[in-house]
């Protein structure tokens, strides 16, 4: 009798395994999208008119602000930011809108300002240590340098009456 031989099962299995590994590796390189803050609706934000709207109508139209001004409550800020990131990298902003609604003392809208990514600053720190003036001490000088400098009177540390 004759034997039935397998029809190239091993090469197909290898090809499938390689395809799965490539697909998994490529999926780790996709960009992760993120959205933070207020979801901007251009129709609603364009409807806010200085001299016509007040604090209550702004809150009814746009909702509560992302944050209120730090030094006075006459500024409402609505912040929206979109970010992108690859795998484990830090996210970077690709779009941002800050809508600032300023109110006069009576609570009416005085102005509506918009800013975007032009106000985002990238800060590059200068090394991992903060430069300081004074004496440079080693680790062991920091730990053992104060031994005997402070203590109970009569024990070699401090002197009584001082």
Protein backbone atom coordinates (compact mmCIF):
# COMPACT_ATOMS: atom_id res chain seq x y z
CA UNK A 1 0.00 0.00 0.00
CA UNK A 2 1.04 3.54 -0.38
CA UNK A 3 1.21 6.17 2.38
CA UNK A 4 -0.50 9.56 2.34
CA UNK A 5 2.04 12.33 2.79
CA UNK A 6 1.13 15.61 4.48
CA UNK A 7 0.58 18.39 1.97
CA UNK A 8 3.00 21.14 3.03
CA UNK A 9 1.41 21.75 6.46
CA UNK A 10 4.64 22.87 8.15
CA UNK A 11 5.52 25.70 5.69
CA UNK A 12 1.96 27.08 5.90
CA UNK A 13 2.09 26.98 9.69
CA UNK A 14 5.44 28.80 9.68
CA UNK A 15 4.11 31.41 7.28
CA UNK A 16 1.06 31.95 9.48
CA UNK A 17 3.24 32.30 12.60
CA UNK A 18 5.55 34.81 10.88
CA UNK A 19 2.50 36.76 9.68
CA UNK A 20 1.09 36.93 13.21
CA UNK A 21 4.42 38.09 14.64
CA UNK A 22 4.72 40.82 12.00
CA UNK A 23 1.12 41.93 12.65
CA UNK A 24 1.73 42.14 16.41
CA UNK A 25 4.97 44.06 15.93
CA UNK A 26 3.34 46.50 13.52
CA UNK A 27 0.38 47.06 15.85
CA UNK A 28 2.77 48.35 18.53
CA UNK A 29 3.88 51.13 16.18
CA UNK A 30 0.44 52.64 15.62
CA UNK A 31 -0.27 56.10 16.90
CA UNK A 32 -2.41 56.46 19.99
CA UNK A 33 -4.82 59.37 19.80
CA UNK A 34 -6.00 61.22 22.85
CA UNK A 35 -8.45 64.01 23.53
CA UNK A 36 -8.51 66.04 26.72
CA UNK A 37 -10.80 68.74 27.99
CA UNK A 38 -13.75 70.46 26.40
CA UNK A 39 -15.20 69.10 23.16
CA UNK A 40 -15.40 72.16 20.91
CA UNK A 41 -18.57 72.78 18.93
CA UNK A 42 -17.84 75.70 16.56
CA UNK A 43 -21.53 76.61 16.24
CA UNK A 44 -21.88 77.02 20.01
CA UNK A 45 -18.58 78.84 20.54
CA UNK A 46 -19.32 81.27 17.69
CA UNK A 47 -22.73 82.01 19.24
CA UNK A 48 -21.18 83.72 22.29
CA UNK A 49 -21.43 87.45 21.58
CA UNK A 50 -19.89 90.25 23.65
CA UNK A 51 -22.47 92.69 24.97
CA UNK A 52 -25.34 90.24 24.39
CA UNK A 53 -24.54 87.20 26.54
CA UNK A 54 -23.95 87.04 30.27
CA UNK A 55 -22.45 84.52 32.68
CA UNK A 56 -25.63 82.41 32.90
CA UNK A 57 -26.19 82.24 29.13
CA UNK A 58 -22.54 81.22 28.58
CA UNK A 59 -22.88 78.39 31.11
CA UNK A 60 -26.16 77.25 29.51
CA UNK A 61 -24.59 77.32 26.03
CA UNK A 62 -21.10 75.93 26.69
CA UNK A 63 -21.50 74.27 30.09
CA UNK A 64 -19.24 74.80 33.08
CA UNK A 65 -15.75 76.04 32.16
CA UNK A 66 -12.66 73.86 32.29
CA UNK A 67 -11.31 76.33 34.82
CA UNK A 68 -11.99 79.86 36.09
CA UNK A 69 -9.38 82.63 36.24
CA UNK A 70 -6.98 82.35 39.16
CA UNK A 71 -6.98 86.01 40.24
CA UNK A 72 -10.63 86.82 39.52
CA UNK A 73 -13.69 84.85 38.55
CA UNK A 74 -14.31 87.15 35.56
CA UNK A 75 -12.50 84.83 33.13
CA UNK A 76 -13.82 81.46 31.97
CA UNK A 77 -11.46 79.11 30.14
CA UNK A 78 -12.56 76.20 27.94
CA UNK A 79 -9.53 74.04 27.04
CA UNK A 80 -9.47 71.35 24.37
CA UNK A 81 -6.38 69.39 23.33
CA UNK A 82 -5.71 66.52 20.93
CA UNK A 83 -2.54 64.47 21.33
CA UNK A 84 -0.70 61.70 19.50
CA UNK A 85 1.83 59.22 20.88
CA UNK A 86 3.72 56.17 19.65
CA UNK A 87 3.70 53.15 21.96
CA UNK A 88 5.45 54.27 25.16
CA UNK A 89 6.54 57.75 24.06
CA UNK A 90 5.24 60.89 25.72
CA UNK A 91 2.18 62.30 24.00
CA UNK A 92 2.69 65.43 21.89
CA UNK A 93 -0.05 67.98 21.22
CA UNK A 94 -1.22 68.20 17.60
CA UNK A 95 -4.19 70.52 18.12
CA UNK A 96 -5.23 72.78 20.96
CA UNK A 97 -7.83 75.45 21.45
CA UNK A 98 -8.25 77.68 24.47
CA UNK A 99 -11.46 79.69 24.49
CA UNK A 100 -11.35 82.53 27.02
CA UNK A 101 -14.59 84.33 27.81
CA UNK A 102 -14.03 87.57 29.75
CA UNK A 103 -16.83 89.16 31.76
CA UNK A 104 -17.23 92.75 32.94
CA UNK A 105 -18.00 93.46 36.64
CA UNK A 106 -21.76 93.27 35.89
CA UNK A 107 -21.38 89.69 34.56
CA UNK A 108 -21.85 90.45 30.86
CA UNK A 109 -19.50 89.07 28.21
CA UNK A 110 -16.79 91.66 27.46
CA UNK A 111 -14.66 89.64 25.02
CA UNK A 112 -14.11 86.17 23.59
CA UNK A 113 -10.50 85.19 22.78
CA UNK A 114 -9.20 82.05 21.08
CA UNK A 115 -5.66 80.70 21.06
CA UNK A 116 -4.18 77.52 19.69
CA UNK A 117 -0.90 75.63 19.58
CA UNK A 118 0.98 78.90 19.16
CA UNK A 119 0.81 79.35 22.95
CA UNK A 120 2.27 75.92 23.78
CA UNK A 121 5.90 76.05 24.89
CA UNK A 122 8.36 73.19 24.92
CA UNK A 123 10.78 73.35 27.81
CA UNK A 124 14.14 71.59 27.69
CA UNK A 125 15.66 71.24 31.15
CA UNK A 126 19.36 71.88 31.48
CA UNK A 127 20.60 68.56 32.86
CA UNK A 128 19.22 66.53 35.73
CA UNK A 129 20.60 68.63 38.61
CA UNK A 130 19.77 72.11 39.77
CA UNK A 131 22.93 74.23 40.06
CA UNK A 132 23.38 75.74 43.51
CA UNK A 133 25.86 78.09 45.05
CA UNK A 134 27.95 77.02 48.01
CA UNK A 135 29.92 74.04 49.10
CA UNK A 136 29.68 70.73 47.28
CA UNK A 137 29.30 67.88 49.76
CA UNK A 138 29.53 64.17 49.14
CA UNK A 139 26.88 61.63 50.08
CA UNK A 140 28.74 60.53 53.22
CA UNK A 141 29.41 64.14 54.29
CA UNK A 142 25.67 64.76 54.11
CA UNK A 143 24.92 61.71 56.26
CA UNK A 144 27.71 61.91 58.84
CA UNK A 145 28.59 65.61 58.73
CA UNK A 146 26.26 66.66 61.56
CA UNK A 147 27.28 64.02 64.08
CA UNK A 148 28.19 65.79 67.27
CA UNK A 149 27.00 69.19 66.05
CA UNK A 150 23.54 68.92 67.61
CA UNK A 151 22.63 66.99 70.72
CA UNK A 152 21.66 67.05 74.37
CA UNK A 153 23.75 69.17 76.78
CA UNK A 154 26.39 67.14 78.58
CA UNK A 155 26.51 64.53 75.84
CA UNK A 156 29.10 66.30 73.71
CA UNK A 157 26.59 68.07 71.48
CA UNK A 158 25.35 71.36 72.81
CA UNK A 159 26.41 73.53 75.74
CA UNK A 160 23.94 74.38 78.54
CA UNK A 161 22.51 77.87 78.64
CA UNK A 162 22.78 78.63 74.95
